[in-house]
Amino acid sequence: MPFERELDFAQRMANAAGEQAIRIRHEGITPETKADASPVTRADKENELLIREAIEAEFPADGILGEEGSTKPGTSGRRWIIDPIDGTRDFVRGNRFWCVLLALEADGEPAAGVAHFPLLQETYWATRAGGAFRNAQPLRASSITSLAECAFNPNGLHLAEARPYLMQVASLCQQSWSVRSYGGALDACMVAAGQADVWFEPKVAPWDLAPLKLILEESGAAFFALDGSRSIERGNAVGCAPRLVEQVRAVFNVG
């Protein structure tokens, strides 16, 4: 399997961070508010430190980018991208949909990635050209061809960044078979698993997307930003079943 060592490391660290976060929450947390109005807790910070120190020990030449401030250029041309707790709002409120996201980027593309949901006991993972999986189960995006059959999972609609797209989102909601929202990462993973068909995020960062893009694409799903690129750097994202791509791009006016 390509990137087998890196995948094993990512899975180990995501599991360790998940266990640490659960322990910290049981001890009690007091969330703070960051400059972008998103919450952060001691668990976010300690998880990132745990993962960063492990990367520096095991892959010292690799770069690092983390949500909570870890930045290291590296010398290998590779970069680890860390979201120590994706879904901190869920984590704070005691919901189960938060996860640990960790990915290795090589040659500018995600090469190994993990989305670990400790309270769901589910780990979604993928390697470049190696397929996508949930635990040991291979994932495959759905083969539906019509928006009328679509399960649409939009997120972040309360954000200012969503305002330019609310008409398109409403149109998709009206056309879809169902509309759900589980917090972002889980919605993307559900598209990869064929349990949902379209996922939309109006505001995201590279650490939100690096493993999810890989998991989606390795499942056969499409991933794109609203400028039409496959970049995780554009600040928004869509994942969808492969036979819905043209219809979804048309709704969002993506060329």
Foldseek 3Di string as FASTA:
>chain_A
DPPVVVQVLQVVLQVVLVVQLVVVVVVPWDWDADPVRDTDTPSQVVSVVSSVVVCCVPPVQEFEAEPVDGGDHGDPQKYKYWRSKQQVVCSVVVHQLIWTKIFMDHPNATAKIWTGRPSVRWIWIAGVVGAIAIPNHGAAADDDQFLQAFEEEEDDCVDPLNVVCPVLVVVSCVNHVHYHYDRQLVQLLCRRRRNGFKYWYSFDALSSPRGSLRSLVRNVWDKDAQQGHNDRHPGIIMIGHPNCVVVSNVSSVHD
